[in-house]
Protein backbone atom coordinates (compact mmCIF):
# COMPACT_ATOMS: atom_id res chain seq x y z
CA UNK A 1 -4.80 258.43 -142.39
CA UNK A 2 -8.92 259.48 -141.93
CA UNK A 3 -10.45 256.39 -143.83
CA UNK A 4 -13.05 256.99 -147.42
CA UNK A 5 -14.06 255.01 -149.93
CA UNK A 6 -10.85 254.81 -152.75
CA UNK A 7 -11.08 253.69 -156.16
CA UNK A 8 -8.74 251.63 -157.52
CA UNK A 9 -7.53 251.75 -161.17
CA UNK A 10 -7.76 248.29 -163.67
CA UNK A 11 -4.45 246.28 -164.52
CA UNK A 12 -5.08 244.43 -168.04
CA UNK A 13 -3.83 241.04 -169.22
CA UNK A 14 -2.97 239.74 -172.13
CA UNK A 15 -4.75 235.95 -173.51
CA UNK A 16 -4.96 234.47 -176.03
CA UNK A 17 -9.05 234.02 -175.60
CA UNK A 18 -9.35 237.44 -175.01
CA UNK A 19 -11.17 240.33 -177.00
CA UNK A 20 -9.76 242.94 -179.06
CA UNK A 21 -12.15 245.02 -177.98
CA UNK A 22 -13.20 245.44 -174.12
CA UNK A 23 -15.94 247.99 -174.49
CA UNK A 24 -18.37 249.45 -173.17
CA UNK A 25 -17.14 248.34 -169.52
CA UNK A 26 -13.72 250.03 -171.05
CA UNK A 27 -13.87 252.11 -173.89
CA UNK A 28 -10.18 253.30 -173.78
CA UNK A 29 -9.54 249.40 -174.62
CA UNK A 30 -10.88 249.15 -178.07
CA UNK A 31 -9.40 248.34 -181.50
CA UNK A 32 -6.28 246.69 -179.71
CA UNK A 33 -3.87 244.85 -181.87
CA UNK A 34 -3.33 242.18 -178.79
CA UNK A 35 -6.08 240.41 -176.89
CA UNK A 36 -6.65 241.44 -173.51
CA UNK A 37 -8.67 238.53 -171.62
CA UNK A 38 -8.41 240.02 -168.11
CA UNK A 39 -9.29 243.43 -166.15
CA UNK A 40 -8.03 242.76 -162.49
CA UNK A 41 -9.75 245.46 -160.74
CA UNK A 42 -7.78 244.26 -156.83
CA UNK A 43 -4.71 243.04 -158.13
CA UNK A 44 -1.93 244.36 -155.11
CA UNK A 45 -0.40 246.45 -158.74
CA UNK A 46 -3.70 247.96 -158.95
CA UNK A 47 -3.12 251.69 -158.23
CA UNK A 48 -5.26 253.93 -156.03
CA UNK A 49 -7.23 256.59 -158.53
CA UNK A 50 -7.10 258.88 -155.60
CA UNK A 51 -7.60 259.33 -151.36
CA UNK A 52 -4.82 259.18 -148.80
CA UNK A 53 -3.85 256.11 -151.31
CA UNK A 54 -3.43 258.25 -154.23
CA UNK A 55 -0.50 257.18 -156.96
CA UNK A 56 0.19 254.01 -154.61
CA UNK A 57 -0.69 250.52 -155.52
CA UNK A 58 -2.13 248.02 -153.09
CA UNK A 59 -0.01 246.52 -152.37
CA UNK A 60 1.98 248.83 -150.67
CA UNK A 61 -0.45 250.38 -149.40
CA UNK A 62 -2.33 247.61 -147.49
CA UNK A 63 1.10 247.13 -145.37
CA UNK A 64 0.39 249.98 -143.78
CA UNK A 65 -3.31 249.96 -143.35
CA UNK A 66 -4.76 250.83 -139.70
CA UNK A 67 -7.40 248.05 -138.13
CA UNK A 68 -9.63 251.30 -139.14
CA UNK A 69 -9.17 250.71 -143.47
CA UNK A 70 -8.26 246.34 -143.16
CA UNK A 71 -11.01 245.14 -140.29
CA UNK A 72 -10.30 243.84 -136.90
CA UNK A 73 -10.50 240.59 -138.39
CA UNK A 74 -8.03 240.97 -140.96
CA UNK A 75 -4.33 240.41 -138.80
CA UNK A 76 -2.12 242.83 -139.04
CA UNK A 77 1.15 240.81 -141.33
CA UNK A 78 -2.43 239.17 -143.22
CA UNK A 79 -2.06 239.06 -147.13
CA UNK A 80 -4.55 241.36 -149.58
CA UNK A 81 -7.71 238.67 -149.29
CA UNK A 82 -9.34 239.44 -152.40
CA UNK A 83 -8.68 239.39 -156.38
CA UNK A 84 -11.79 240.98 -158.36
CA UNK A 85 -11.31 240.43 -162.25
CA UNK A 86 -13.64 241.24 -165.72
CA UNK A 87 -13.17 238.34 -167.84
CA UNK A 88 -13.43 239.14 -171.87
CA UNK A 89 -13.80 235.72 -173.32
CA UNK A 90 -13.64 236.03 -177.61
CA UNK A 91 -12.41 232.25 -177.44
CA UNK A 92 -13.10 229.27 -175.25
CA UNK A 93 -9.98 229.03 -171.50
CA UNK A 94 -7.68 225.64 -171.52
CA UNK A 95 -9.79 222.74 -169.39
CA UNK A 96 -8.25 223.13 -165.96
CA UNK A 97 -8.66 223.17 -161.92
CA UNK A 98 -6.91 225.10 -159.33
CA UNK A 99 -6.19 223.39 -155.80
CA UNK A 100 -6.87 224.02 -152.70
CA UNK A 101 -5.26 226.09 -149.63
CA UNK A 102 -3.83 222.79 -147.88
CA UNK A 103 -2.33 221.79 -151.42
CA UNK A 104 -1.08 225.23 -152.19
CA UNK A 105 0.80 225.60 -148.80
CA UNK A 106 2.34 222.25 -149.36
CA UNK A 107 3.51 222.65 -152.65
CA UNK A 108 2.79 226.37 -154.20
CA UNK A 109 4.73 228.25 -151.64
CA UNK A 110 6.98 230.03 -153.82
CA UNK A 111 4.20 230.89 -155.48
CA UNK A 112 1.61 232.43 -152.44
CA UNK A 113 0.96 229.28 -150.98
CA UNK A 114 -2.79 229.98 -151.03
CA UNK A 115 -5.21 227.97 -153.64
CA UNK A 116 -7.95 229.39 -154.95
CA UNK A 117 -12.10 228.81 -154.85
CA UNK A 118 -14.07 231.80 -157.31
CA UNK A 119 -17.21 232.32 -157.97
CA UNK A 120 -18.81 234.33 -161.92
CA UNK A 121 -21.09 236.51 -162.63
CA UNK A 122 -22.37 236.70 -165.85
CA UNK A 123 -22.29 240.88 -167.62
CA UNK A 124 -22.99 239.99 -170.38
CA UNK A 125 -23.12 236.97 -172.63
CA UNK A 126 -24.96 235.91 -176.75
CA UNK A 127 -26.89 233.76 -177.28
CA UNK A 128 -26.01 230.00 -176.57
CA UNK A 129 -22.69 231.20 -174.25
CA UNK A 130 -21.67 228.82 -171.74
CA UNK A 131 -19.59 227.13 -169.36
CA UNK A 132 -18.27 224.13 -168.25
CA UNK A 133 -17.84 222.95 -164.49
CA UNK A 134 -17.49 219.89 -162.55
CA UNK A 135 -17.35 216.31 -163.60
CA UNK A 136 -19.90 213.79 -165.15
CA UNK A 137 -20.98 210.74 -162.59
CA UNK A 138 -19.39 208.74 -164.61
CA UNK A 139 -16.48 210.55 -164.63
CA UNK A 140 -13.58 208.71 -163.38
CA UNK A 141 -9.68 209.18 -162.65
CA UNK A 142 -8.07 206.99 -165.18
CA UNK A 143 -11.20 207.51 -168.43
CA UNK A 144 -10.35 211.61 -167.64
CA UNK A 145 -6.79 210.79 -168.34
CA UNK A 146 -7.74 209.67 -171.06
CA UNK A 147 -9.93 211.72 -172.34
CA UNK A 148 -6.60 214.85 -171.73
CA UNK A 149 -5.31 212.28 -173.84
CA UNK A 150 -7.38 212.22 -176.95
CA UNK A 151 -8.15 215.42 -176.64
CA UNK A 152 -11.83 215.01 -175.65
CA UNK A 153 -11.45 216.58 -172.12
CA UNK A 154 -14.30 219.29 -172.30
CA UNK A 155 -16.65 216.36 -172.76
CA UNK A 156 -16.40 214.98 -169.92
CA UNK A 157 -17.73 218.30 -167.57
CA UNK A 158 -21.23 219.49 -167.01
CA UNK A 159 -22.31 221.99 -169.28
CA UNK A 160 -23.87 225.01 -167.59
CA UNK A 161 -25.62 227.44 -170.56
CA UNK A 162 -25.04 231.17 -168.91
CA UNK A 163 -27.41 234.70 -169.65
CA UNK A 164 -26.31 237.89 -168.16
CA UNK A 165 -27.15 237.94 -164.56
CA UNK A 166 -26.31 234.28 -163.71
CA UNK A 167 -24.19 233.25 -161.16
CA UNK A 168 -21.76 230.44 -161.43
CA UNK A 169 -19.79 228.34 -157.64
CA UNK A 170 -16.29 227.09 -158.79
CA UNK A 171 -14.52 225.82 -155.36
CA UNK A 172 -10.88 224.92 -155.64
CA UNK A 173 -10.86 221.14 -156.68
CA UNK A 174 -13.22 221.43 -159.81
CA UNK A 175 -12.50 221.33 -162.88
CA UNK A 176 -13.68 223.53 -164.82
CA UNK A 177 -13.94 226.06 -167.95
CA UNK A 178 -15.95 229.08 -169.68
CA UNK A 179 -16.92 229.01 -173.43
CA UNK A 180 -16.87 232.65 -175.61
CA UNK A 181 -19.13 235.35 -176.17
CA UNK A 182 -18.64 235.82 -172.09
CA UNK A 183 -17.81 238.74 -170.12
CA UNK A 184 -17.81 237.76 -166.64
CA UNK A 185 -17.43 239.40 -162.94
CA UNK A 186 -14.65 237.08 -161.21
CA UNK A 187 -14.80 237.42 -157.09
CA UNK A 188 -12.28 234.95 -155.65
CA UNK A 189 -9.41 234.18 -153.16
CA UNK A 190 -5.94 235.80 -154.33
CA UNK A 191 -4.26 233.38 -156.24
CA UNK A 192 -3.18 232.71 -159.42
CA UNK A 193 -3.39 228.94 -159.70
CA UNK A 194 -4.04 227.48 -162.29
CA UNK A 195 -3.33 223.83 -163.44
CA UNK A 196 -4.10 223.46 -167.46
CA UNK A 197 -5.01 220.00 -168.69
CA UNK A 198 -5.72 220.59 -172.20
CA UNK A 199 -5.35 224.25 -173.90
CA UNK A 200 -6.53 222.99 -177.49
CA UNK A 201 -3.52 222.51 -178.59
CA UNK A 202 -2.85 227.06 -178.75
CA UNK A 203 0.51 228.04 -178.27
CA UNK A 204 2.02 231.50 -176.82
CA UNK A 205 3.79 234.58 -178.50
CA UNK A 206 7.64 232.73 -178.59
CA UNK A 207 5.44 229.43 -180.59
CA UNK A 208 5.33 227.05 -178.13
CA UNK A 209 2.79 225.63 -176.81
CA UNK A 210 1.53 226.38 -173.89
CA UNK A 211 2.95 224.48 -170.05
CA UNK A 212 -0.21 221.86 -168.98
CA UNK A 213 0.03 220.74 -165.40
CA UNK A 214 -1.68 217.22 -166.01
CA UNK A 215 0.33 215.42 -162.47
CA UNK A 216 -0.32 218.36 -160.56
CA UNK A 217 -4.53 218.69 -161.93
CA UNK A 218 -5.21 214.29 -161.01
CA UNK A 219 -3.32 215.40 -157.93
CA UNK A 220 -6.45 217.58 -156.68
CA UNK A 221 -9.37 217.28 -158.84
CA UNK A 222 -11.98 216.85 -157.06
CA UNK A 223 -14.12 212.97 -158.41
CA UNK A 224 -17.07 211.65 -157.84
CA UNK A 225 -19.32 214.06 -156.08
CA UNK A 226 -19.50 217.39 -157.33
CA UNK A 227 -20.18 220.54 -155.48
CA UNK A 228 -19.97 223.81 -157.42
CA UNK A 229 -22.17 225.43 -160.34
CA UNK A 230 -24.71 227.33 -161.29
CA UNK A 231 -26.14 229.21 -158.02
CA UNK A 232 -30.28 229.35 -156.93
CA UNK A 233 -29.68 233.11 -155.79
CA UNK A 234 -32.76 234.58 -153.00
CA UNK A 235 -33.63 237.99 -153.86
CA UNK A 236 -35.10 240.14 -151.28
CA UNK A 237 -36.54 243.85 -152.32
CA UNK A 238 -35.54 246.13 -149.68
CA UNK A 239 -37.56 249.97 -149.94
CA UNK A 240 -35.54 251.52 -152.48
CA UNK A 241 -33.12 248.29 -153.52
CA UNK A 242 -32.84 245.24 -154.30
CA UNK A 243 -30.91 242.68 -152.90
CA UNK A 244 -29.58 239.58 -154.49
CA UNK A 245 -27.23 237.26 -152.05
CA UNK A 246 -25.01 234.52 -154.44
CA UNK A 247 -23.08 232.71 -152.25
CA UNK A 248 -21.12 232.35 -148.97
CA UNK A 249 -18.11 230.44 -148.09
CA UNK A 250 -14.72 230.60 -146.12
CA UNK A 251 -13.33 232.86 -148.81
CA UNK A 252 -15.76 235.63 -149.56
CA UNK A 253 -19.29 236.10 -149.41
CA UNK A 254 -21.08 238.27 -152.74
CA UNK A 255 -24.60 239.78 -153.21
CA UNK A 256 -26.24 242.74 -155.38
CA UNK A 257 -27.47 246.00 -154.85
CA UNK A 258 -30.38 247.56 -157.19
CA UNK A 259 -31.38 250.71 -156.76
CA UNK A 260 -32.74 253.89 -158.39
CA UNK A 261 -33.14 256.45 -155.46
CA UNK A 262 -30.72 257.58 -152.00
CA UNK A 263 -29.89 254.54 -150.67
CA UNK A 264 -27.46 254.02 -146.83
CA UNK A 265 -25.41 251.30 -146.19
CA UNK A 266 -22.94 250.61 -143.24
CA UNK A 267 -19.86 249.28 -142.81
CA UNK A 268 -19.18 245.86 -140.72
CA UNK A 269 -15.59 247.09 -137.95
CA UNK A 270 -14.37 243.58 -138.85
CA UNK A 271 -13.64 243.87 -142.58
CA UNK A 272 -13.88 245.92 -145.45
CA UNK A 273 -15.95 246.29 -148.07
CA UNK A 274 -16.25 245.19 -151.74
CA UNK A 275 -18.00 247.80 -154.49
CA UNK A 276 -18.04 247.27 -158.28
CA UNK A 277 -20.25 248.82 -159.64
CA UNK A 278 -21.56 247.23 -162.50
CA UNK A 279 -24.24 249.88 -163.95
CA UNK A 280 -25.39 253.48 -163.20
CA UNK A 281 -23.97 256.98 -162.68
CA UNK A 282 -23.75 258.87 -159.34
CA UNK A 283 -22.46 259.69 -156.13
CA UNK A 284 -20.91 257.72 -152.56
CA UNK A 285 -21.40 260.37 -149.67
CA UNK A 286 -20.14 259.98 -146.60
CA UNK A 287 -19.99 262.73 -143.74
CA UNK A 288 -19.63 266.24 -145.61
CA UNK A 289 -17.23 264.23 -148.92
CA UNK A 290 -18.47 262.38 -152.00
CA UNK A 291 -16.12 261.12 -154.88
CA UNK A 292 -18.10 259.87 -158.14
CA UNK A 293 -18.89 255.98 -158.75
CA UNK A 294 -19.29 255.32 -163.15
CA UNK A 295 -19.88 251.90 -163.86
CA UNK A 296 -16.43 248.96 -164.22
CA UNK A 297 -15.33 250.58 -161.55
CA UNK A 298 -13.93 248.93 -158.13
CA UNK A 299 -14.21 250.78 -154.78
CA UNK A 300 -13.10 250.18 -151.02
CA UNK A 301 -15.19 250.68 -148.28
CA UNK A 302 -12.98 250.69 -145.41
CA UNK A 303 -13.87 248.88 -142.26
CA UNK A 304 -14.48 251.71 -139.69
CA UNK A 305 -16.46 254.14 -142.39
CA UNK A 306 -19.76 253.47 -140.48
CA UNK A 307 -22.84 255.18 -142.39
CA UNK A 308 -22.24 255.81 -145.87
CA UNK A 309 -25.03 256.71 -148.93
CA UNK A 310 -25.04 256.16 -151.97
CA UNK A 311 -27.10 258.53 -154.99
CA UNK A 312 -27.75 257.48 -157.93
CA UNK A 313 -28.40 260.06 -160.72
CA UNK A 314 -29.12 257.22 -163.07
CA UNK A 315 -30.59 253.28 -161.74
CA UNK A 316 -27.46 251.38 -160.23
CA UNK A 317 -26.13 247.86 -160.17
CA UNK A 318 -23.74 247.20 -158.18
CA UNK A 319 -21.54 243.69 -156.61
CA UNK A 320 -20.92 243.66 -152.96
CA UNK A 321 -18.42 241.59 -151.62
CA UNK A 322 -16.22 240.82 -148.21
CA UNK A 323 -14.79 237.84 -146.56
CA UNK A 324 -17.10 237.03 -143.53
CA UNK A 325 -15.54 237.12 -140.49
CA UNK A 326 -17.99 233.04 -140.19
CA UNK A 327 -21.00 231.56 -141.65
CA UNK A 328 -23.12 234.03 -138.78
CA UNK A 329 -22.32 237.21 -139.88
CA UNK A 330 -23.99 235.96 -144.00
CA UNK A 331 -27.09 234.26 -141.69
CA UNK A 332 -27.50 237.23 -139.76
CA UNK A 333 -27.63 239.48 -142.20
CA UNK A 334 -30.42 237.40 -144.12
CA UNK A 335 -32.41 236.79 -141.04
CA UNK A 336 -32.42 240.56 -140.16
CA UNK A 337 -34.71 240.23 -143.27
CA UNK A 338 -37.09 237.82 -141.78
CA UNK A 339 -35.86 235.49 -144.66
CA UNK A 340 -35.90 231.37 -143.65
CA UNK A 341 -32.83 228.83 -143.08
CA UNK A 342 -34.72 226.85 -146.07
CA UNK A 343 -34.25 229.60 -148.08
CA UNK A 344 -30.48 230.28 -147.87
CA UNK A 345 -28.91 227.32 -146.44
CA UNK A 346 -27.90 226.39 -150.05
CA UNK A 347 -25.65 229.33 -150.20
CA UNK A 348 -24.20 228.60 -147.72
CA UNK A 349 -20.52 226.45 -148.63
CA UNK A 350 -18.21 225.61 -145.60
């Protein structure tokens, strides 16, 4: 099947901390009777909206995609690696932590055996909105266990005020929660493993307290020096496009593009890209074909597409994310733009 940009339709998940209106991102999801907390943009259950895999689920199509779609660096039997979500928080999430790959492979094989490293990009934030990421320096394992028991676990975490445009990195093993009043784009290793340690005594639909996973959480939680928190991105003006580089790790690299004129892009034959449109309308153009883009859309850009263009009808911003074949790819992109190591080294995580 000839590679072409392919849009995925989101699937939505109910959450007790979610919102009853997802407008303006998803205006059809307004006046809801139950709160939706997550729009999964690249879930294996998402269906393709058009193209050669139209109306088929990503997970099913992925097994049939050739290296022209996936990239030469991704093994034929490798599972889909990137999960993108939009999060809508009208209440606090549970205090939680995610395992790393080593722990997940040993203890969570039935759930996929993959850990979860993630980042958040803030699309909207009410005044005073915050996330809590990482333990305070004085918090020991025993102190945190006592805080869980007396309901003060969130007091052990560092507060990170959030405004639109901020980005936060959350490596596996980092205790965290997300506060109310936020719309975030979450980019993560493809995993849904979450260990809750405190959930504000909320109950599920059947009236039972939501499950906690304190033993596992304490086994994977990072005490002492912390490595997550708010990112200090690198912003580069390059012709008609402004590029903002957020982070690169073994699981994903993420950057933001802003432009109001036609720009040319190109794929790497080694990996596919995911493009998440945040604002603006226009066309994606390749060869003699084109497709319209709009806000709150995710497109899979095949590895072998080569050169293509964005032709905006209004000012456009998007997030581009991909799985780097190694850190040299991220470094090489910045070196080509004349950026010194001292400027980009803070963005690279092992």
